[in-house]
Amino acid sequence: MPSTAPWWRSAVIYQVYIRSFADGNGDGIGDIAGIRSRLPYLKSLGVDAIWINPWYKSPMADHGYDVADFREIDPLFGSVAEAEALIEEAHRCGIRVIPDIVPNHTSDQHVWFQAALAAGPGGPERERYVFRDGRGPDGAEPPNDWKSCFGGPAWTRLPDGQWYLHLFAPEQPDLNWKNPEVRAEFEDILRFWFRRGVDGFRIDVAHGLIKHPELPDLPVPADPGSPEDQAPVDHPHWDRDEVHEIYRSWRRVADEFPGDRKFVAEAWAPNPERLARYVRRDGLHTAFNFDFLMTSWDPRALREVIDSSLASLGAVGAPATWVLSNHDVVRHPSRFGREVVRKWTANVPYRPEGPLDLGLGIRRARAAALLMLALPGGAYVYQGEELGLPEVEDLPQDVLQDPIWERSGNTDPGRDGCRVPIPWSGQQAPFGFSPDDATGAPWLPQPANWHALSVEAQTGDETSMLELYRRALHLRRDHAALGDSGLTWLDTPPGVLAFTREPGFACVVNLSSEPYRLPEHDAVVLASGHLEDGRLGTDEAVWLAL
C-alpha cells in the first residue's frame, strides 16, 4: 500500500549547484537550460526532488548568495519564464523543485541597500539593515568584535562614518529582521515562487537572522583553545530563540498552498536539541543534519550521532535528514581518505590535512552511501557524489573565485574545490558539461582524468559508484522498510555497525580492521564491495533481506 506520509519525510533530494551542473548555452557556466537537458538523467537516477542553489539576480560576489532581486533570475542562468518551464518539466518527471532562499542578507546592489546608502545616518531606509555608529572617540572602531565567516571583521565603515554589519562578505549586508518591512517582504517573495510551482525552499543561514539587540562582543569560550562557534547557547548572532517566530510565520505561508510544500533549514546549532527547535510541528519541516556530515569515519561517533539525531528530532515529530557533502565542504571521498585532525565548527569547514589515500576514501564513500540511504528519514545527494568525485585540491591560484580566498589573505583556498563542473561524457574537458559549440571554457577547470568518472563512462558498469547509487536509490524507493520509520541496532563486535528495519531489511557496515561474518539472512540485496565467503570486508557495507 502506498505511503500516505508527506513526501518530504523520506525524500532523497539532489543538490544542483547550478553554476557547475550543466551548461546549456555554451558560456562555461551552468544554467537552467542545462538542468532541463539533464532531467532524464535525474529521473533515471531515482531522486525525488532537486535543490537548486541561488538562481536570483546577483552581482555574483558570492556566486549568487548576494541577491540583488529575489523575484528575477540572473541572466547568467536564464529567466523567470525558463524557471517556470523547468518546474513544469521536472514535475512531469516526478521530480519536485526546491530553490534556495537567502534571508540573512542581500547584495549591496539591492535597491534597499542602495536607498540606505543614499539616505544617510538616521534615515528609515537604514532600519532595514544593521547600521551602527562605531566605538571610540571618533567612531573609528567597529561597533563590536564580530567576525566575518569569510575572514576579517564583520563590519565595514561608510564615508558618512557609520558601520554596517555583514557576517559574510562586505557585499552581503545583513538584514534587520526586527523590521516589519523585512518580514513582510520575504513572505511576499515566498508567495511569488510558490505561485510559480516551487515545492519548497532551502533556507540559507537559517540560524543567523536574529541578532542580540545590544550587539555585544562575542562571548569568551570556557575553553580558550576552542573556537568561538563553540561558545554558550546564548550567542549574540547565531541560533537565537526569536528566529523561530519568523519560521512559524513562514510555515503559515507554505500552508496556504496545496501539495505538501516544505522548508529545509541550513541551521548550525550547538546540539541536536537546539536543532530540533527549528522543526517543531508549527515550524519548519526539516533541517540539515550537520552533525552527521561532520562525523569522522568512526563507528562509535557515527552511532552516537545517528541515535541522538533520531531521538531529538523524533521527540518533536520531525524526520531526520542525512547528508555527506555539499557545496561548502570538502567532498567526502577526500575527507574519508585521510586522517581528520581538526574539529569542524559552524561555518568553518574542514580543510584537507595530511596525505590522501583516495582509494581508501572511495571505498569508505561507497559504504557511507549505503549507510546514509538505509537510515530513517530523508537524504541529500550533492551533485557528483554519485560519480565518486573527489575534492579538486590543486586548482591554480589564479582561477580561485571563492571570496574566502581573498578575505583570508590568500591563505584559505575556500570552497571552489568541491564546486568544479561535473563530467558527463567524452575524453576531454569540458566532458559534456558544455555543448560542443561552446564559446567559453568551464568557469573552473576540470581535472584531465575525470573522463573516467563521467556519467557516460560509469553508466552500465556494475562496479561503478554511479550504478551503486542508482541501484540504492531505486531500492530505497521500492522497499517498504526504507521510509520514515525506526531502526533496531544489532549486537556486533566493536567497529561494526548493524541495524534492522521492518519489514525484513538489515544494513551492516564494517569499520573494523578485520572481515566480519554476516548475520543470518535470506539474500544480499546490495553491497558496496565484493563479499568473500559471507564476510564483509573492512570499510564496506551491505544491505540484506531477512
Protein backbone atom coordinates (compact mmCIF):
# COMPACT_ATOMS: atom_id res chain seq x y z
CA MET A 1 0.00 0.00 0.00
CA PRO A 2 1.49 3.39 -0.95
CA SER A 3 2.60 5.57 1.96
CA THR A 4 0.29 8.42 2.96
CA ALA A 5 3.08 10.31 4.74
CA PRO A 6 4.20 13.64 3.23
CA TRP A 7 6.79 13.09 0.51
CA TRP A 8 9.47 15.11 2.28
CA ARG A 9 9.66 12.81 5.30
CA SER A 10 11.68 10.22 3.36
CA ALA A 11 12.72 12.03 0.16
CA VAL A 12 16.11 11.85 -1.50
CA ILE A 13 16.90 15.37 -2.68
CA TYR A 14 19.65 16.01 -5.21
CA GLN A 15 21.58 19.26 -4.78
CA VAL A 16 22.16 21.17 -8.01
CA TYR A 17 24.95 23.72 -7.70
CA ILE A 18 23.67 25.49 -10.77
CA ARG A 19 26.97 27.00 -11.97
CA SER A 20 28.55 23.56 -12.15
CA PHE A 21 25.79 21.13 -13.10
CA ALA A 22 25.23 21.59 -16.85
CA ASP A 23 25.86 24.49 -19.24
CA GLY A 24 23.06 24.84 -21.79
CA ASN A 25 24.15 27.96 -23.70
CA GLY A 26 27.88 27.32 -24.00
CA ASP A 27 29.25 30.19 -21.92
CA GLY A 28 31.03 27.88 -19.47
CA ILE A 29 28.56 28.47 -16.62
CA GLY A 30 25.75 26.09 -15.73
CA ASP A 31 22.20 27.34 -16.18
CA ILE A 32 18.51 26.47 -16.17
CA ALA A 33 18.70 25.20 -19.75
CA GLY A 34 21.40 22.80 -18.62
CA ILE A 35 19.27 21.49 -15.77
CA ARG A 36 16.32 20.96 -18.12
CA SER A 37 18.53 18.98 -20.51
CA ARG A 38 19.56 16.62 -17.69
CA LEU A 39 16.14 15.93 -16.19
CA PRO A 40 16.06 12.46 -17.82
CA TYR A 41 19.31 11.65 -16.02
CA LEU A 42 17.92 12.79 -12.67
CA LYS A 43 14.78 10.74 -13.25
CA SER A 44 16.82 7.64 -14.09
CA LEU A 45 18.97 8.21 -11.01
CA GLY A 46 15.88 7.92 -8.84
CA VAL A 47 15.82 11.17 -6.86
CA ASP A 48 12.60 12.69 -5.54
CA ALA A 49 13.48 16.37 -5.77
CA ILE A 50 16.23 18.83 -6.68
CA TRP A 51 17.50 21.66 -4.52
CA ILE A 52 18.92 24.45 -6.68
CA ASN A 53 21.49 26.87 -5.29
CA PRO A 54 20.59 30.57 -5.76
CA TRP A 55 19.48 31.49 -9.26
CA TYR A 56 18.37 35.03 -8.48
CA LYS A 57 19.69 38.26 -9.99
CA SER A 58 23.08 38.89 -8.40
CA PRO A 59 26.43 40.64 -8.93
CA MET A 60 27.94 37.21 -8.04
CA ALA A 61 30.29 38.43 -5.32
CA ASP A 62 29.48 35.12 -3.59
CA HIS A 63 28.22 33.15 -6.59
CA GLY A 64 24.58 34.09 -6.12
CA TYR A 65 24.33 34.25 -2.34
CA ASP A 66 24.45 38.04 -2.70
CA VAL A 67 20.95 38.59 -4.09
CA ALA A 68 20.02 41.87 -5.78
CA ASP A 69 16.45 40.85 -6.73
CA PHE A 70 14.66 37.80 -5.34
CA ARG A 71 11.94 37.93 -8.00
CA GLU A 72 14.27 37.83 -11.00
CA ILE A 73 16.50 35.09 -12.37
CA ASP A 74 20.05 36.18 -13.11
CA PRO A 75 20.68 36.37 -16.89
CA LEU A 76 23.66 34.03 -16.39
CA PHE A 77 21.16 31.30 -15.56
CA GLY A 78 18.09 32.19 -17.63
CA SER A 79 14.78 33.89 -16.89
CA VAL A 80 11.68 33.51 -14.73
CA ALA A 81 9.91 32.00 -17.74
CA GLU A 82 12.65 29.37 -18.05
CA ALA A 83 12.41 28.66 -14.34
CA GLU A 84 8.67 28.10 -14.69
CA ALA A 85 9.27 25.76 -17.63
CA LEU A 86 11.85 23.82 -15.60
CA ILE A 87 9.44 23.44 -12.70
CA GLU A 88 6.72 22.16 -15.03
CA GLU A 89 9.04 19.70 -16.82
CA ALA A 90 10.50 18.44 -13.55
CA HIS A 91 7.03 17.81 -12.19
CA ARG A 92 6.20 15.77 -15.30
CA CYS A 93 9.28 13.67 -14.48
CA GLY A 94 8.07 13.17 -10.92
CA ILE A 95 10.76 15.49 -9.53
CA ARG A 96 9.99 18.34 -7.16
CA VAL A 97 11.92 21.64 -7.22
CA ILE A 98 13.29 23.44 -4.16
CA PRO A 99 15.22 26.67 -4.76
CA ASP A 100 17.43 28.39 -2.23
CA ILE A 101 16.20 31.43 -0.32
CA VAL A 102 18.77 33.76 1.28
CA PRO A 103 17.10 35.72 4.09
CA ASN A 104 20.07 36.72 6.25
CA HIS A 105 21.43 39.29 3.82
CA THR A 106 21.08 40.86 0.39
CA SER A 107 23.55 42.13 -2.16
CA ASP A 108 24.95 45.60 -1.60
CA GLN A 109 23.43 46.30 -5.03
CA HIS A 110 19.89 45.56 -3.83
CA VAL A 111 17.61 48.59 -4.18
CA TRP A 112 17.04 48.62 -0.43
CA PHE A 113 20.73 48.87 0.40
CA GLN A 114 21.34 51.47 -2.26
CA ALA A 115 18.48 53.50 -0.76
CA ALA A 116 20.02 53.08 2.69
CA LEU A 117 23.34 54.42 1.45
CA ALA A 118 21.64 57.42 -0.14
CA ALA A 119 19.52 58.15 2.95
CA GLY A 120 22.43 58.64 5.31
CA PRO A 121 22.52 58.13 9.09
CA GLY A 122 19.13 58.22 10.77
CA GLY A 123 17.15 57.59 7.59
CA PRO A 124 14.37 55.00 7.87
CA GLU A 125 15.87 53.14 4.90
CA ARG A 126 18.77 52.13 7.14
CA GLU A 127 16.40 50.39 9.54
CA ARG A 128 16.11 47.51 7.05
CA TYR A 129 19.77 46.65 7.70
CA VAL A 130 22.08 46.71 10.73
CA PHE A 131 23.79 50.10 10.79
CA ARG A 132 25.57 51.40 13.87
CA ASP A 133 27.94 54.14 14.93
CA GLY A 134 31.45 52.98 15.72
CA ARG A 135 33.24 52.81 19.04
CA GLY A 136 35.98 55.12 20.21
CA PRO A 137 36.07 58.91 20.42
CA ASP A 138 35.68 59.39 16.66
CA GLY A 139 33.73 56.19 15.93
CA ALA A 140 36.69 54.75 14.05
CA GLU A 141 36.47 51.32 15.68
CA PRO A 142 33.81 48.73 14.71
CA PRO A 143 30.71 48.54 16.91
CA ASN A 144 31.80 45.17 18.29
CA ASP A 145 34.31 42.36 17.73
CA TRP A 146 32.16 40.12 15.50
CA LYS A 147 34.00 38.28 12.75
CA SER A 148 33.00 37.59 9.14
CA CYS A 149 32.63 33.92 8.28
CA PHE A 150 34.78 34.67 5.24
CA GLY A 151 37.58 36.21 7.29
CA GLY A 152 38.21 39.65 8.74
CA PRO A 153 35.80 41.88 10.65
CA ALA A 154 32.03 41.68 10.18
CA TRP A 155 31.73 45.47 9.85
CA THR A 156 32.51 47.94 7.06
CA ARG A 157 32.62 51.70 7.59
CA LEU A 158 30.99 54.10 5.15
CA PRO A 159 32.26 57.57 4.25
CA ASP A 160 29.49 59.09 6.38
CA GLY A 161 31.04 57.44 9.44
CA GLN A 162 28.51 54.68 10.18
CA TRP A 163 29.27 50.99 10.01
CA TYR A 164 27.11 48.20 8.56
CA LEU A 165 27.09 44.53 9.54
CA HIS A 166 27.97 41.69 7.17
CA LEU A 167 28.52 38.26 8.70
CA PHE A 168 29.80 37.17 5.29
CA ALA A 169 31.35 39.35 2.56
CA PRO A 170 31.10 43.18 2.63
CA GLU A 171 28.94 42.85 -0.49
CA GLN A 172 26.38 40.96 1.65
CA PRO A 173 24.91 43.38 4.22
CA ASP A 174 22.84 41.70 6.94
CA LEU A 175 19.14 42.49 7.08
CA ASN A 176 17.44 43.68 10.25
CA TRP A 177 14.78 41.04 10.91
CA LYS A 178 13.19 43.09 13.67
CA ASN A 179 11.97 45.45 10.95
CA PRO A 180 8.40 44.54 9.87
CA GLU A 181 9.13 45.60 6.28
CA VAL A 182 11.78 42.87 6.03
CA ARG A 183 9.40 40.22 7.35
CA ALA A 184 6.58 41.23 5.03
CA GLU A 185 8.90 41.38 2.01
CA PHE A 186 10.14 37.83 2.45
CA GLU A 187 6.67 36.42 2.98
CA ASP A 188 5.72 38.03 -0.32
CA ILE A 189 8.83 36.56 -2.00
CA LEU A 190 7.84 33.08 -0.78
CA ARG A 191 4.35 33.51 -2.22
CA PHE A 192 5.80 34.78 -5.53
CA TRP A 193 7.68 31.50 -6.05
CA PHE A 194 5.05 29.21 -4.53
CA ARG A 195 2.61 30.58 -7.11
CA ARG A 196 5.12 29.53 -9.80
CA GLY A 197 5.09 25.97 -8.58
CA VAL A 198 8.15 25.51 -6.40
CA ASP A 199 7.74 22.76 -3.84
CA GLY A 200 9.61 24.43 -1.00
CA PHE A 201 12.79 26.27 -0.10
CA ARG A 202 16.17 25.54 1.36
CA ILE A 203 16.87 28.37 3.83
CA ASP A 204 20.42 29.68 3.80
CA VAL A 205 21.93 30.61 7.19
CA ALA A 206 18.59 29.88 8.83
CA HIS A 207 20.16 30.25 12.28
CA GLY A 208 21.55 33.74 11.68
CA LEU A 209 18.63 36.11 11.13
CA ILE A 210 18.18 37.50 14.65
CA LYS A 211 20.92 39.43 16.40
CA HIS A 212 21.14 40.37 20.08
CA PRO A 213 19.57 43.85 20.40
CA GLU A 214 22.62 45.25 22.20
CA LEU A 215 25.13 43.73 19.71
CA PRO A 216 27.52 42.64 22.49
CA ASP A 217 31.01 41.35 21.86
CA LEU A 218 31.41 37.63 21.29
CA PRO A 219 31.44 35.55 24.47
CA VAL A 220 34.76 34.21 25.66
CA PRO A 221 34.82 30.39 25.33
CA ALA A 222 35.11 28.45 28.56
CA ASP A 223 37.99 26.61 26.89
CA PRO A 224 40.37 29.24 25.48
CA GLY A 225 41.57 26.73 22.90
CA SER A 226 38.11 26.17 21.44
CA PRO A 227 36.71 28.23 18.55
CA GLU A 228 34.17 30.96 19.11
CA ASP A 229 31.45 28.88 17.48
CA GLN A 230 31.58 26.51 20.45
CA ALA A 231 30.50 29.34 22.77
CA PRO A 232 27.43 29.06 25.04
CA VAL A 233 23.95 28.72 23.56
CA ASP A 234 23.24 32.44 24.08
CA HIS A 235 25.35 33.52 21.11
CA PRO A 236 24.83 37.14 20.00
CA HIS A 237 24.10 36.32 16.35
CA TRP A 238 23.68 32.56 15.91
CA ASP A 239 20.67 30.41 16.79
CA ARG A 240 18.74 32.93 18.84
CA ASP A 241 15.33 31.88 20.12
CA GLU A 242 13.48 34.72 18.40
CA VAL A 243 14.24 33.25 14.97
CA HIS A 244 11.54 30.62 15.42
CA GLU A 245 8.77 33.23 15.37
CA ILE A 246 9.86 34.04 11.80
CA TYR A 247 9.68 30.43 10.71
CA ARG A 248 6.28 29.89 12.27
CA SER A 249 5.01 32.68 10.02
CA TRP A 250 6.76 31.11 7.02
CA ARG A 251 5.09 27.77 7.80
CA ARG A 252 1.74 29.52 7.68
CA VAL A 253 2.63 30.93 4.26
CA ALA A 254 3.58 27.47 2.96
CA ASP A 255 0.36 26.03 4.31
CA GLU A 256 -1.61 28.48 2.14
CA PHE A 257 -0.60 26.39 -0.88
CA PRO A 258 -1.52 22.80 -1.76
CA GLY A 259 0.85 19.90 -2.27
CA ASP A 260 2.92 19.43 0.90
CA ARG A 261 5.30 22.34 0.37
CA LYS A 262 8.40 22.07 2.54
CA PHE A 263 11.27 24.03 4.04
CA VAL A 264 14.70 22.71 4.93
CA ALA A 265 16.88 24.80 7.21
CA GLU A 266 20.61 25.26 6.92
CA ALA A 267 20.83 25.72 10.67
CA TRP A 268 24.03 25.28 12.63
CA ALA A 269 23.00 24.56 16.21
CA PRO A 270 25.23 23.69 19.18
CA ASN A 271 23.42 20.41 19.90
CA PRO A 272 20.64 18.19 18.50
CA GLU A 273 18.10 19.56 20.97
CA ARG A 274 18.63 23.11 19.71
CA LEU A 275 18.38 21.90 16.10
CA ALA A 276 15.06 20.22 16.89
CA ARG A 277 13.59 23.61 17.81
CA TYR A 278 13.63 24.54 14.11
CA VAL A 279 11.41 21.62 13.13
CA ARG A 280 8.65 21.58 15.69
CA ARG A 281 5.19 20.93 14.31
CA ASP A 282 4.37 24.61 13.73
CA GLY A 283 7.82 25.48 12.39
CA LEU A 284 9.99 24.31 9.53
CA HIS A 285 9.63 20.81 8.13
CA THR A 286 13.25 19.60 8.11
CA ALA A 287 16.80 20.73 8.84
CA PHE A 288 20.18 19.62 7.58
CA ASN A 289 21.98 17.21 9.88
CA PHE A 290 25.43 18.75 10.03
CA ASP A 291 26.43 16.59 13.00
CA PHE A 292 26.24 13.56 10.69
CA LEU A 293 28.15 15.32 7.91
CA MET A 294 30.89 16.39 10.33
CA THR A 295 31.37 12.98 11.91
CA SER A 296 34.60 11.16 11.14
CA TRP A 297 34.70 7.60 9.85
CA ASP A 298 34.42 6.18 13.35
CA PRO A 299 31.84 3.59 14.44
CA ARG A 300 31.18 4.94 17.91
CA ALA A 301 30.84 8.54 16.70
CA LEU A 302 28.54 7.54 13.85
CA ARG A 303 26.26 5.51 16.09
CA GLU A 304 26.09 8.32 18.64
CA VAL A 305 25.11 10.92 16.05
CA ILE A 306 22.52 8.60 14.48
CA ASP A 307 20.96 7.88 17.86
CA SER A 308 20.97 11.49 19.04
CA SER A 309 19.55 12.74 15.73
CA LEU A 310 16.69 10.24 15.69
CA ALA A 311 15.89 10.85 19.35
CA SER A 312 15.91 14.65 19.33
CA LEU A 313 14.08 15.07 16.03
CA GLY A 314 11.64 12.25 16.75
CA ALA A 315 10.72 13.97 20.03
CA VAL A 316 9.21 16.87 18.04
CA GLY A 317 7.71 14.67 15.32
CA ALA A 318 10.26 15.61 12.64
CA PRO A 319 12.18 13.26 10.35
CA ALA A 320 15.94 13.12 10.38
CA THR A 321 17.95 14.11 7.34
CA TRP A 322 21.33 12.76 6.32
CA VAL A 323 23.99 14.37 4.14
CA LEU A 324 27.62 13.58 3.31
CA SER A 325 28.69 16.53 1.14
CA ASN A 326 27.53 19.89 -0.17
CA HIS A 327 28.82 23.00 -1.93
CA ASP A 328 30.50 24.35 1.23
CA VAL A 329 32.59 21.40 2.38
CA VAL A 330 35.35 19.13 1.11
CA ARG A 331 33.86 16.23 -0.86
CA HIS A 332 33.63 13.21 1.37
CA PRO A 333 35.87 10.78 -0.59
CA SER A 334 38.69 13.25 0.11
CA ARG A 335 37.69 13.58 3.77
CA PHE A 336 37.39 9.86 4.35
CA GLY A 337 40.68 9.23 2.56
CA ARG A 338 42.79 10.94 5.18
CA GLU A 339 43.04 11.30 8.93
CA VAL A 340 40.85 14.16 10.10
CA VAL A 341 42.90 16.02 12.69
CA ARG A 342 40.90 19.22 13.07
CA LYS A 343 37.43 19.60 14.56
CA TRP A 344 34.79 21.14 12.29
CA THR A 345 32.85 24.12 13.60
CA ALA A 346 29.90 26.12 12.35
CA ASN A 347 30.69 27.97 9.14
CA VAL A 348 34.33 26.85 9.30
CA PRO A 349 34.51 23.77 7.03
CA TYR A 350 37.26 21.23 7.41
CA ARG A 351 40.14 21.69 5.01
CA PRO A 352 42.32 18.80 3.79
CA GLU A 353 45.18 17.97 6.08
CA GLY A 354 47.70 15.19 5.67
CA PRO A 355 48.27 12.70 2.84
CA LEU A 356 45.30 11.50 0.80
CA ASP A 357 44.59 7.83 0.12
CA LEU A 358 41.86 8.29 -2.47
CA GLY A 359 41.31 4.56 -2.90
CA LEU A 360 40.52 4.32 0.81
CA GLY A 361 38.31 7.40 0.55
CA ILE A 362 36.29 5.95 -2.33
CA ARG A 363 35.84 2.61 -0.55
CA ARG A 364 34.56 4.39 2.55
CA ALA A 365 32.38 6.71 0.45
CA ARG A 366 30.65 3.70 -1.13
CA ALA A 367 29.98 2.24 2.30
CA ALA A 368 28.84 5.61 3.65
CA ALA A 369 26.33 5.94 0.81
CA LEU A 370 24.66 2.65 1.76
CA LEU A 371 24.67 3.63 5.43
CA MET A 372 23.11 7.04 4.73
CA LEU A 373 20.46 5.72 2.35
CA ALA A 374 19.43 2.97 4.78
CA LEU A 375 18.73 5.34 7.68
CA PRO A 376 15.21 6.54 8.57
CA GLY A 377 14.17 9.92 7.17
CA GLY A 378 15.40 11.90 4.18
CA ALA A 379 18.76 12.18 2.46
CA TYR A 380 20.63 14.71 0.31
CA VAL A 381 22.96 13.86 -2.55
CA TYR A 382 25.36 16.58 -3.72
CA GLN A 383 25.83 16.61 -7.48
CA GLY A 384 28.83 14.48 -8.45
CA GLU A 385 28.94 12.43 -5.28
CA GLU A 386 27.09 9.72 -7.21
CA LEU A 387 30.13 9.77 -9.55
CA GLY A 388 32.64 9.49 -6.71
CA LEU A 389 34.15 12.89 -7.49
CA PRO A 390 36.95 13.85 -5.11
CA GLU A 391 37.84 17.35 -3.99
CA VAL A 392 39.96 19.20 -6.56
CA GLU A 393 42.81 20.28 -4.33
CA ASP A 394 45.23 21.63 -6.94
CA LEU A 395 43.26 24.43 -8.58
CA PRO A 396 45.66 27.18 -9.72
CA GLN A 397 45.51 30.24 -7.52
CA ASP A 398 44.65 32.46 -10.46
CA VAL A 399 41.31 30.66 -11.00
CA LEU A 400 40.10 30.72 -7.40
CA GLN A 401 36.88 32.73 -7.06
CA ASP A 402 35.52 31.99 -3.60
CA PRO A 403 35.56 35.21 -1.51
CA ILE A 404 37.16 33.20 1.31
CA TRP A 405 40.39 33.18 -0.74
CA GLU A 406 40.76 36.96 -0.74
CA ARG A 407 39.23 37.55 2.70
CA SER A 408 41.69 35.10 4.26
CA GLY A 409 44.68 36.94 2.80
CA ASN A 410 45.18 34.14 0.24
CA THR A 411 45.73 31.53 2.92
CA ASP A 412 42.47 29.55 2.63
CA PRO A 413 41.56 28.38 -0.90
CA GLY A 414 37.90 28.33 0.02
CA ARG A 415 35.21 26.10 -1.43
CA ASP A 416 35.98 26.08 -5.16
CA GLY A 417 37.48 22.59 -4.94
CA CYS A 418 34.07 20.99 -4.38
CA ARG A 419 32.35 23.19 -7.00
CA VAL A 420 34.24 22.17 -10.15
CA PRO A 421 31.82 21.45 -13.04
CA ILE A 422 30.87 17.78 -13.17
CA PRO A 423 31.79 15.47 -16.09
CA TRP A 424 29.09 13.99 -18.31
CA SER A 425 30.82 12.42 -21.31
CA GLY A 426 33.83 12.38 -23.59
CA GLN A 427 37.56 12.11 -23.17
CA GLN A 428 38.48 15.78 -22.83
CA ALA A 429 37.28 18.82 -20.94
CA PRO A 430 34.60 20.08 -20.69
CA PHE A 431 33.43 16.43 -20.62
CA GLY A 432 29.95 17.24 -21.89
CA PHE A 433 29.38 19.95 -19.29
CA SER A 434 29.03 22.47 -22.14
CA PRO A 435 27.72 21.86 -25.67
CA ASP A 436 30.15 21.08 -28.47
CA ASP A 437 29.94 24.61 -29.87
CA ALA A 438 30.61 26.29 -26.52
CA THR A 439 32.23 29.71 -26.65
CA GLY A 440 33.55 29.65 -23.08
CA ALA A 441 35.62 27.24 -21.02
CA PRO A 442 34.11 25.92 -17.78
CA TRP A 443 34.27 28.57 -15.08
CA LEU A 444 36.58 26.30 -13.08
CA PRO A 445 38.97 23.86 -14.81
CA GLN A 446 38.22 20.14 -14.59
CA PRO A 447 40.96 17.56 -13.93
CA ALA A 448 42.07 15.77 -17.10
CA ASN A 449 41.47 12.33 -15.54
CA TRP A 450 37.78 12.99 -14.92
CA HIS A 451 36.92 11.30 -18.21
CA ALA A 452 36.97 8.04 -16.25
CA LEU A 453 34.44 9.44 -13.78
CA SER A 454 31.91 10.78 -16.27
CA VAL A 455 28.28 9.68 -16.36
CA GLU A 456 28.94 8.12 -19.77
CA ALA A 457 31.96 6.15 -18.54
CA GLN A 458 30.19 4.80 -15.44
CA THR A 459 26.78 4.01 -16.92
CA GLY A 460 26.35 0.26 -17.23
CA ASP A 461 29.49 -0.53 -15.21
CA GLU A 462 28.10 -2.55 -12.31
CA THR A 463 31.20 -1.78 -10.22
CA SER A 464 30.92 1.99 -10.62
CA MET A 465 29.84 4.50 -7.99
CA LEU A 466 27.06 5.73 -10.29
CA GLU A 467 25.46 2.30 -10.64
CA LEU A 468 25.77 1.74 -6.88
CA TYR A 469 23.85 4.96 -6.23
CA ARG A 470 21.32 4.22 -8.96
CA ARG A 471 20.56 0.76 -7.56
CA ALA A 472 20.47 2.04 -3.98
CA LEU A 473 18.10 4.90 -4.80
CA HIS A 474 15.68 2.68 -6.69
CA LEU A 475 15.75 0.03 -3.98
CA ARG A 476 15.21 2.71 -1.35
CA ARG A 477 12.14 3.97 -3.18
CA ASP A 478 10.67 0.49 -3.64
CA HIS A 479 11.50 -1.25 -0.35
CA ALA A 480 8.78 -0.98 2.29
CA ALA A 481 11.36 -0.81 5.11
CA LEU A 482 13.23 2.21 3.76
CA GLY A 483 10.88 5.03 4.62
CA ASP A 484 10.42 7.20 7.66
CA SER A 485 10.35 4.53 10.34
CA GLY A 486 12.62 3.35 13.12
CA LEU A 487 15.63 1.06 13.31
CA THR A 488 16.87 -1.59 15.73
CA TRP A 489 20.57 -1.99 16.40
CA LEU A 490 22.09 -5.47 16.36
CA ASP A 491 24.76 -6.66 18.76
CA THR A 492 28.07 -6.59 16.91
CA PRO A 493 31.77 -6.55 17.71
CA PRO A 494 33.47 -3.17 18.14
CA GLY A 495 33.93 -1.47 14.79
CA VAL A 496 30.81 -2.94 13.15
CA LEU A 497 27.50 -1.11 12.82
CA ALA A 498 24.42 -3.19 12.02
CA PHE A 499 20.73 -2.46 12.28
CA THR A 500 17.44 -3.85 11.05
CA ARG A 501 14.37 -2.12 9.71
CA GLU A 502 10.96 -3.64 9.28
CA PRO A 503 9.89 -5.44 7.25
CA GLY A 504 12.83 -7.69 6.54
CA PHE A 505 15.81 -5.41 5.99
CA ALA A 506 19.28 -5.07 7.53
CA CYS A 507 22.26 -2.81 6.92
CA VAL A 508 25.74 -3.79 8.05
CA VAL A 509 28.82 -1.54 7.88
CA ASN A 510 32.27 -2.83 8.77
CA LEU A 511 34.56 -0.08 10.07
CA SER A 512 36.88 -2.54 11.83
CA SER A 513 40.22 -3.79 10.62
CA GLU A 514 39.04 -7.40 10.13
CA PRO A 515 36.45 -9.03 7.84
CA TYR A 516 33.09 -9.57 9.51
CA ARG A 517 30.90 -12.63 9.04
CA LEU A 518 27.41 -11.51 8.14
CA PRO A 519 24.42 -12.45 10.31
CA GLU A 520 21.87 -14.92 9.00
CA HIS A 521 19.94 -13.54 6.07
CA ASP A 522 17.86 -14.60 3.11
CA ALA A 523 19.72 -12.69 0.42
CA VAL A 524 22.25 -9.95 -0.27
CA VAL A 525 20.32 -7.00 -1.68
CA LEU A 526 23.23 -4.66 -2.42
CA ALA A 527 26.88 -4.47 -1.39
CA SER A 528 29.43 -1.68 -1.64
CA GLY A 529 32.19 -4.18 -2.43
CA HIS A 530 32.85 -7.84 -3.11
CA LEU A 531 31.83 -10.28 -0.38
CA GLU A 532 34.26 -13.10 0.34
CA ASP A 533 32.76 -16.32 1.75
CA GLY A 534 29.94 -14.46 3.52
CA ARG A 535 32.34 -11.98 5.07
CA LEU A 536 32.12 -8.20 4.79
CA GLY A 537 35.46 -6.54 4.16
CA THR A 538 36.91 -3.57 6.01
CA ASP A 539 35.28 -0.23 5.12
CA GLU A 540 32.44 -1.91 3.25
CA ALA A 541 28.67 -2.05 3.70
CA VAL A 542 25.85 -4.38 2.66
CA TRP A 543 22.06 -4.41 2.55
CA LEU A 544 20.45 -7.74 3.45
CA ALA A 545 16.99 -9.23 3.06
CA LEU A 546 15.86 -11.04 6.20
